[in-house]
Amino acid sequence: MKKYLLIAVILMNAAVFAQKGPKIEFKAKDNTIDYGTVNKEDDNGIRTFEFTNTGDADLIITNVQSTCGCTVPSKPTEPIPPGKTGKIDVKYNMHTGPIRKTITVESNAVNVEEGRVALKIKGEVIEKPIVNLLEKKKTSPMMQ
């Protein structure tokens, strides 16, 4: 009896892992893009999440939304065939301060729960320091 139970468990696990359909795999580590520390004036705020359809059917991205209006994602308009790559562009509006935003991707992918994947962006936006050439320096080389 134990032998049959073991065989049934193994077959059920094999069925779960051998899912048929589209599968989405993002290239970014932990599905996160790190802006690092960027100057507000020097960066347009656009980053790209690349992904591959590793399944055996067309991958359809049905919706991509952000947690706030300061981050605007764009989704592919065409289905992604098996083995092909796609991209989701994200534009952050570069408000000064820390960046911690989540973008939710909804698709027909069978390898993620309910076809949803959370993408994250992080980093910090700073303003370029203003250099005043007429300002006296606080220390001079002679005083050290």
N, C-alpha and C. Protein backbone atom coordinates (compact mmCIF):
# COMPACT_ATOMS: atom_id res chain seq x y z
N MET A 1 0.82 -1.20 0.00
CA MET A 1 0.00 0.00 0.00
C MET A 1 0.87 1.27 0.00
N LYS A 2 1.93 1.25 0.81
CA LYS A 2 2.83 2.41 0.88
C LYS A 2 3.48 2.66 -0.48
N LYS A 3 3.76 1.59 -1.19
CA LYS A 3 4.40 1.69 -2.50
C LYS A 3 3.51 2.45 -3.48
N TYR A 4 2.20 2.14 -3.47
CA TYR A 4 1.26 2.82 -4.37
C TYR A 4 1.09 4.29 -4.00
N LEU A 5 1.09 4.56 -2.71
CA LEU A 5 0.97 5.94 -2.24
C LEU A 5 2.18 6.76 -2.69
N LEU A 6 3.35 6.17 -2.56
CA LEU A 6 4.58 6.84 -2.99
C LEU A 6 4.55 7.12 -4.49
N ILE A 7 4.13 6.14 -5.27
CA ILE A 7 4.05 6.32 -6.72
C ILE A 7 3.05 7.43 -7.06
N ALA A 8 1.92 7.48 -6.38
CA ALA A 8 0.92 8.51 -6.63
C ALA A 8 1.47 9.90 -6.32
N VAL A 9 2.20 10.03 -5.23
CA VAL A 9 2.79 11.32 -4.85
C VAL A 9 3.82 11.75 -5.90
N ILE A 10 4.64 10.84 -6.35
CA ILE A 10 5.64 11.16 -7.36
C ILE A 10 4.99 11.61 -8.67
N LEU A 11 3.95 10.93 -9.09
CA LEU A 11 3.25 11.29 -10.32
C LEU A 11 2.58 12.66 -10.20
N MET A 12 2.01 12.95 -9.05
CA MET A 12 1.37 14.27 -8.85
C MET A 12 2.42 15.37 -8.91
N ASN A 13 3.58 15.18 -8.29
CA ASN A 13 4.65 16.17 -8.33
C ASN A 13 5.15 16.36 -9.76
N ALA A 14 5.29 15.30 -10.51
CA ALA A 14 5.74 15.40 -11.90
C ALA A 14 4.74 16.20 -12.72
N ALA A 15 3.47 16.01 -12.47
CA ALA A 15 2.43 16.75 -13.21
C ALA A 15 2.50 18.24 -12.90
N VAL A 16 2.76 18.58 -11.65
CA VAL A 16 2.84 19.99 -11.26
C VAL A 16 4.04 20.66 -11.91
N PHE A 17 5.20 19.97 -11.92
CA PHE A 17 6.41 20.57 -12.46
C PHE A 17 6.46 20.56 -13.98
N ALA A 18 5.66 19.78 -14.63
CA ALA A 18 5.65 19.69 -16.09
C ALA A 18 4.48 20.48 -16.67
N GLN A 19 4.26 21.67 -16.13
CA GLN A 19 3.14 22.49 -16.59
C GLN A 19 3.31 22.87 -18.06
N LYS A 20 2.23 22.80 -18.76
CA LYS A 20 2.22 23.22 -20.16
C LYS A 20 1.68 24.65 -20.21
N GLY A 21 2.18 25.42 -21.13
CA GLY A 21 1.70 26.78 -21.30
C GLY A 21 2.84 27.78 -21.26
N PRO A 22 2.51 29.06 -21.31
CA PRO A 22 3.54 30.10 -21.29
C PRO A 22 4.16 30.24 -19.90
N LYS A 23 5.45 30.56 -19.88
CA LYS A 23 6.17 30.78 -18.63
C LYS A 23 7.00 32.04 -18.77
N ILE A 24 7.02 32.85 -17.73
CA ILE A 24 7.75 34.11 -17.77
C ILE A 24 8.94 34.05 -16.83
N GLU A 25 10.11 34.41 -17.35
CA GLU A 25 11.35 34.44 -16.57
C GLU A 25 12.02 35.79 -16.82
N PHE A 26 12.20 36.58 -15.75
CA PHE A 26 12.84 37.88 -15.87
C PHE A 26 14.35 37.75 -15.70
N LYS A 27 15.11 38.59 -16.42
CA LYS A 27 16.57 38.55 -16.36
C LYS A 27 17.11 39.26 -15.13
N ALA A 28 16.39 40.26 -14.63
CA ALA A 28 16.87 41.03 -13.47
C ALA A 28 16.89 40.16 -12.23
N LYS A 29 17.99 40.23 -11.49
CA LYS A 29 18.12 39.45 -10.26
C LYS A 29 17.02 39.85 -9.29
N ASP A 30 16.33 38.89 -8.75
CA ASP A 30 15.22 39.11 -7.81
C ASP A 30 14.13 40.01 -8.40
N ASN A 31 14.05 40.10 -9.73
CA ASN A 31 13.06 40.95 -10.41
C ASN A 31 13.18 42.41 -9.95
N THR A 32 14.41 42.85 -9.68
CA THR A 32 14.65 44.19 -9.17
C THR A 32 15.69 44.90 -10.03
N ILE A 33 15.42 46.17 -10.33
CA ILE A 33 16.41 47.02 -10.98
C ILE A 33 16.82 48.09 -9.98
N ASP A 34 18.12 48.20 -9.77
CA ASP A 34 18.67 49.17 -8.84
C ASP A 34 19.20 50.37 -9.64
N TYR A 35 18.57 51.51 -9.45
CA TYR A 35 19.02 52.73 -10.11
C TYR A 35 20.36 53.18 -9.54
N GLY A 36 20.66 52.77 -8.32
CA GLY A 36 21.83 53.28 -7.63
C GLY A 36 21.55 54.71 -7.20
N THR A 37 22.60 55.51 -7.05
CA THR A 37 22.44 56.93 -6.74
C THR A 37 22.61 57.69 -8.04
N VAL A 38 21.54 58.39 -8.45
CA VAL A 38 21.55 59.09 -9.74
C VAL A 38 21.23 60.57 -9.55
N ASN A 39 21.80 61.38 -10.42
CA ASN A 39 21.50 62.81 -10.42
C ASN A 39 20.21 63.06 -11.17
N LYS A 40 19.36 63.85 -10.57
CA LYS A 40 18.06 64.17 -11.16
C LYS A 40 18.20 64.76 -12.56
N GLU A 41 19.19 65.62 -12.74
CA GLU A 41 19.36 66.32 -14.01
C GLU A 41 19.99 65.46 -15.11
N ASP A 42 20.68 64.40 -14.72
CA ASP A 42 21.44 63.61 -15.69
C ASP A 42 20.78 62.30 -16.11
N ASP A 43 19.63 61.97 -15.54
CA ASP A 43 19.02 60.67 -15.78
C ASP A 43 17.57 60.85 -16.21
N ASN A 44 17.14 60.15 -17.25
CA ASN A 44 15.76 60.28 -17.72
C ASN A 44 14.79 59.39 -16.95
N GLY A 45 15.30 58.51 -16.08
CA GLY A 45 14.44 57.67 -15.25
C GLY A 45 13.90 56.43 -15.90
N ILE A 46 14.31 56.14 -17.14
CA ILE A 46 13.78 54.96 -17.84
C ILE A 46 14.71 53.77 -17.63
N ARG A 47 14.10 52.65 -17.24
CA ARG A 47 14.81 51.38 -17.10
C ARG A 47 13.97 50.31 -17.78
N THR A 48 14.60 49.20 -18.15
CA THR A 48 13.91 48.14 -18.88
C THR A 48 14.07 46.80 -18.18
N PHE A 49 12.94 46.14 -17.95
CA PHE A 49 12.92 44.77 -17.45
C PHE A 49 12.79 43.86 -18.67
N GLU A 50 13.76 42.97 -18.88
CA GLU A 50 13.69 42.02 -19.98
C GLU A 50 13.25 40.67 -19.43
N PHE A 51 12.45 39.97 -20.22
CA PHE A 51 11.97 38.65 -19.83
C PHE A 51 11.94 37.73 -21.03
N THR A 52 11.88 36.44 -20.75
CA THR A 52 11.81 35.42 -21.79
C THR A 52 10.61 34.52 -21.53
N ASN A 53 9.94 34.13 -22.59
CA ASN A 53 8.88 33.14 -22.49
C ASN A 53 9.55 31.77 -22.60
N THR A 54 9.68 31.09 -21.46
CA THR A 54 10.34 29.78 -21.43
C THR A 54 9.34 28.64 -21.54
N GLY A 55 8.10 28.96 -21.82
CA GLY A 55 7.07 27.94 -21.94
C GLY A 55 6.89 27.45 -23.37
N ASP A 56 5.75 26.81 -23.61
CA ASP A 56 5.48 26.23 -24.93
C ASP A 56 4.23 26.81 -25.59
N ALA A 57 3.79 27.99 -25.13
CA ALA A 57 2.65 28.68 -25.73
C ALA A 57 2.91 30.18 -25.66
N ASP A 58 2.16 30.96 -26.45
CA ASP A 58 2.34 32.42 -26.45
C ASP A 58 2.07 33.00 -25.06
N LEU A 59 2.96 33.91 -24.65
CA LEU A 59 2.81 34.64 -23.38
C LEU A 59 2.12 35.96 -23.67
N ILE A 60 1.05 36.23 -22.95
CA ILE A 60 0.30 37.47 -23.14
C ILE A 60 0.35 38.28 -21.85
N ILE A 61 0.91 39.47 -21.94
CA ILE A 61 0.94 40.40 -20.80
C ILE A 61 -0.37 41.17 -20.86
N THR A 62 -1.25 40.96 -19.89
CA THR A 62 -2.57 41.58 -19.92
C THR A 62 -2.60 42.95 -19.23
N ASN A 63 -1.74 43.15 -18.24
CA ASN A 63 -1.76 44.42 -17.51
C ASN A 63 -0.42 44.62 -16.81
N VAL A 64 0.01 45.87 -16.75
CA VAL A 64 1.20 46.25 -15.98
C VAL A 64 0.84 47.53 -15.26
N GLN A 65 0.92 47.51 -13.92
CA GLN A 65 0.55 48.72 -13.18
C GLN A 65 1.53 48.96 -12.05
N SER A 66 1.63 50.23 -11.67
CA SER A 66 2.54 50.66 -10.63
C SER A 66 1.78 50.98 -9.36
N THR A 67 2.51 51.06 -8.26
CA THR A 67 1.90 51.39 -6.98
C THR A 67 1.60 52.89 -6.85
N CYS A 68 2.16 53.70 -7.75
CA CYS A 68 1.86 55.14 -7.69
C CYS A 68 2.01 55.76 -9.08
N GLY A 69 1.56 56.99 -9.21
CA GLY A 69 1.61 57.69 -10.49
C GLY A 69 2.98 58.20 -10.87
N CYS A 70 3.95 58.11 -9.96
CA CYS A 70 5.30 58.60 -10.25
C CYS A 70 6.11 57.60 -11.07
N THR A 71 5.57 56.39 -11.25
CA THR A 71 6.24 55.34 -12.01
C THR A 71 5.27 54.87 -13.10
N VAL A 72 5.70 55.02 -14.35
CA VAL A 72 4.82 54.68 -15.47
C VAL A 72 5.43 53.51 -16.26
N PRO A 73 4.79 52.34 -16.18
CA PRO A 73 5.27 51.19 -16.94
C PRO A 73 4.57 51.09 -18.30
N SER A 74 5.24 50.43 -19.25
CA SER A 74 4.60 50.16 -20.54
C SER A 74 4.72 48.67 -20.81
N LYS A 75 3.67 48.08 -21.39
CA LYS A 75 3.65 46.63 -21.62
C LYS A 75 3.73 46.31 -23.10
N PRO A 76 4.18 45.10 -23.41
CA PRO A 76 4.19 44.67 -24.81
C PRO A 76 2.75 44.58 -25.33
N THR A 77 2.55 44.96 -26.58
CA THR A 77 1.21 44.91 -27.15
C THR A 77 0.93 43.60 -27.88
N GLU A 78 1.98 42.88 -28.25
CA GLU A 78 1.84 41.62 -28.98
C GLU A 78 2.19 40.44 -28.08
N PRO A 79 1.61 39.26 -28.34
CA PRO A 79 2.00 38.06 -27.58
C PRO A 79 3.48 37.74 -27.81
N ILE A 80 4.12 37.17 -26.80
CA ILE A 80 5.53 36.78 -26.89
C ILE A 80 5.57 35.27 -27.16
N PRO A 81 6.06 34.85 -28.34
CA PRO A 81 6.11 33.42 -28.67
C PRO A 81 7.11 32.67 -27.77
N PRO A 82 6.95 31.36 -27.66
CA PRO A 82 7.88 30.57 -26.87
C PRO A 82 9.33 30.78 -27.31
N GLY A 83 10.22 30.93 -26.33
CA GLY A 83 11.64 31.12 -26.62
C GLY A 83 12.05 32.54 -26.95
N LYS A 84 11.09 33.44 -27.12
CA LYS A 84 11.40 34.83 -27.47
C LYS A 84 11.42 35.71 -26.21
N THR A 85 12.04 36.88 -26.37
CA THR A 85 12.12 37.82 -25.25
C THR A 85 11.21 39.01 -25.48
N GLY A 86 10.87 39.65 -24.39
CA GLY A 86 10.08 40.87 -24.44
C GLY A 86 10.63 41.84 -23.41
N LYS A 87 10.04 43.02 -23.35
CA LYS A 87 10.52 44.00 -22.38
C LYS A 87 9.37 44.83 -21.83
N ILE A 88 9.58 45.29 -20.62
CA ILE A 88 8.67 46.22 -19.97
C ILE A 88 9.50 47.42 -19.56
N ASP A 89 9.20 48.56 -20.17
CA ASP A 89 9.90 49.80 -19.82
C ASP A 89 9.20 50.45 -18.64
N VAL A 90 10.01 51.00 -17.74
CA VAL A 90 9.48 51.70 -16.58
C VAL A 90 10.12 53.08 -16.53
N LYS A 91 9.29 54.12 -16.43
CA LYS A 91 9.80 55.49 -16.32
C LYS A 91 9.45 56.04 -14.95
N TYR A 92 10.50 56.33 -14.17
CA TYR A 92 10.32 56.95 -12.86
C TYR A 92 10.49 58.45 -13.05
N ASN A 93 9.67 59.28 -12.36
CA ASN A 93 9.68 60.72 -12.62
C ASN A 93 10.83 61.47 -11.94
N MET A 94 11.71 60.77 -11.27
CA MET A 94 12.96 61.31 -10.71
C MET A 94 12.74 62.38 -9.64
N HIS A 95 11.78 62.15 -8.75
CA HIS A 95 11.65 63.00 -7.56
C HIS A 95 12.87 62.76 -6.69
N THR A 96 13.40 63.82 -6.11
CA THR A 96 14.55 63.70 -5.23
C THR A 96 14.19 62.87 -4.00
N GLY A 97 15.07 61.93 -3.67
CA GLY A 97 14.86 61.07 -2.51
C GLY A 97 15.00 59.60 -2.87
N PRO A 98 14.68 58.74 -1.91
CA PRO A 98 14.81 57.30 -2.16
C PRO A 98 13.74 56.78 -3.13
N ILE A 99 14.10 55.75 -3.89
CA ILE A 99 13.17 55.10 -4.81
C ILE A 99 12.88 53.71 -4.24
N ARG A 100 11.62 53.42 -4.01
CA ARG A 100 11.18 52.08 -3.59
C ARG A 100 9.79 51.89 -4.17
N LYS A 101 9.70 51.33 -5.36
CA LYS A 101 8.42 51.17 -6.05
C LYS A 101 8.24 49.74 -6.54
N THR A 102 6.98 49.33 -6.65
CA THR A 102 6.64 48.00 -7.14
C THR A 102 5.74 48.12 -8.36
N ILE A 103 6.03 47.30 -9.35
CA ILE A 103 5.23 47.23 -10.58
C ILE A 103 4.68 45.80 -10.64
N THR A 104 3.37 45.67 -10.84
CA THR A 104 2.75 44.35 -10.92
C THR A 104 2.46 44.01 -12.37
N VAL A 105 2.96 42.84 -12.79
CA VAL A 105 2.75 42.36 -14.15
C VAL A 105 1.73 41.22 -14.09
N GLU A 106 0.67 41.34 -14.88
CA GLU A 106 -0.35 40.29 -14.96
C GLU A 106 -0.26 39.67 -16.34
N SER A 107 -0.27 38.32 -16.36
CA SER A 107 -0.11 37.59 -17.63
C SER A 107 -0.82 36.25 -17.55
N ASN A 108 -0.67 35.50 -18.63
CA ASN A 108 -1.22 34.15 -18.66
C ASN A 108 -0.16 33.10 -18.33
N ALA A 109 0.93 33.52 -17.69
CA ALA A 109 2.02 32.61 -17.34
C ALA A 109 1.56 31.58 -16.30
N VAL A 110 1.96 30.33 -16.51
CA VAL A 110 1.55 29.26 -15.61
C VAL A 110 2.56 28.98 -14.51
N ASN A 111 3.74 29.58 -14.59
CA ASN A 111 4.78 29.30 -13.60
C ASN A 111 4.81 30.28 -12.43
N VAL A 112 3.89 31.24 -12.41
CA VAL A 112 3.79 32.18 -11.29
C VAL A 112 2.35 32.18 -10.79
N GLU A 113 2.19 32.44 -9.51
CA GLU A 113 0.87 32.37 -8.91
C GLU A 113 -0.09 33.37 -9.54
N GLU A 114 -1.20 32.89 -10.03
CA GLU A 114 -2.24 33.68 -10.68
C GLU A 114 -1.72 34.51 -11.85
N GLY A 115 -0.56 34.14 -12.41
CA GLY A 115 0.01 34.85 -13.54
C GLY A 115 0.58 36.21 -13.19
N ARG A 116 0.77 36.49 -11.90
CA ARG A 116 1.26 37.80 -11.45
C ARG A 116 2.71 37.74 -11.00
N VAL A 117 3.46 38.77 -11.39
CA VAL A 117 4.86 38.91 -10.99
C VAL A 117 5.05 40.33 -10.47
N ALA A 118 5.72 40.47 -9.33
CA ALA A 118 6.05 41.79 -8.79
C ALA A 118 7.46 42.16 -9.21
N LEU A 119 7.58 43.32 -9.86
CA LEU A 119 8.88 43.87 -10.23
C LEU A 119 9.16 45.03 -9.29
N LYS A 120 10.43 45.28 -9.00
CA LYS A 120 10.76 46.37 -8.09
C LYS A 120 11.85 47.24 -8.66
N ILE A 121 11.76 48.52 -8.35
CA ILE A 121 12.84 49.45 -8.64
C ILE A 121 13.26 50.07 -7.32
N LYS A 122 14.56 50.34 -7.22
CA LYS A 122 15.06 50.96 -6.00
C LYS A 122 16.24 51.85 -6.35
N GLY A 123 16.61 52.69 -5.43
CA GLY A 123 17.74 53.59 -5.64
C GLY A 123 17.53 54.89 -4.91
N GLU A 124 18.27 55.90 -5.33
CA GLU A 124 18.13 57.22 -4.73
C GLU A 124 18.41 58.29 -5.78
N VAL A 125 17.56 59.30 -5.79
CA VAL A 125 17.72 60.42 -6.71
C VAL A 125 18.23 61.60 -5.90
N ILE A 126 19.32 62.20 -6.38
CA ILE A 126 19.88 63.38 -5.72
C ILE A 126 19.95 64.52 -6.72
N GLU A 127 20.06 65.72 -6.20
CA GLU A 127 20.27 66.88 -7.08
C GLU A 127 21.76 67.13 -7.14
N LYS A 128 22.20 67.60 -8.30
CA LYS A 128 23.61 67.93 -8.46
C LYS A 128 23.96 69.06 -7.51
N PRO A 129 25.06 68.92 -6.80
CA PRO A 129 25.46 70.04 -5.94
C PRO A 129 25.85 71.24 -6.80
N ILE A 130 25.46 72.41 -6.33
CA ILE A 130 25.80 73.64 -7.05
C ILE A 130 27.17 74.09 -6.58
N VAL A 131 28.07 74.25 -7.52
CA VAL A 131 29.43 74.66 -7.19
C VAL A 131 29.55 76.16 -7.44
N ASN A 132 29.89 76.89 -6.39
CA ASN A 132 30.08 78.33 -6.48
C ASN A 132 31.58 78.59 -6.49
N LEU A 133 32.09 78.97 -7.63
CA LEU A 133 33.53 79.19 -7.77
C LEU A 133 34.01 80.41 -7.02
N LEU A 134 33.09 81.32 -6.67
CA LEU A 134 33.48 82.53 -5.95
C LEU A 134 33.51 82.33 -4.43
N GLU A 135 32.95 81.23 -3.97
CA GLU A 135 32.91 80.96 -2.53
C GLU A 135 34.30 80.60 -2.02
N LYS A 136 34.67 81.17 -0.85
CA LYS A 136 35.97 80.86 -0.28
C LYS A 136 35.96 79.44 0.24
N LYS A 137 37.10 78.78 0.08
CA LYS A 137 37.24 77.44 0.61
C LYS A 137 37.45 77.54 2.12
N LYS A 138 36.93 76.57 2.85
CA LYS A 138 36.99 76.57 4.31
C LYS A 138 38.41 76.30 4.80
N THR A 139 39.15 75.43 4.10
CA THR A 139 40.52 75.14 4.50
C THR A 139 41.43 75.35 3.30
N SER A 140 42.63 75.74 3.62
CA SER A 140 43.61 75.89 2.54
C SER A 140 44.73 74.89 2.75
N PRO A 141 45.45 74.56 1.72
CA PRO A 141 46.54 73.59 1.87
C PRO A 141 47.60 74.05 2.84
N MET A 142 47.77 75.36 3.05
CA MET A 142 48.80 75.90 3.92
C MET A 142 48.43 75.67 5.40
N MET A 143 47.16 75.51 5.72
CA MET A 143 46.72 75.41 7.11
C MET A 143 46.78 73.99 7.63
N GLN A 144 47.06 73.03 6.85
CA GLN A 144 47.06 71.63 7.31
C GLN A 144 48.32 71.23 7.97
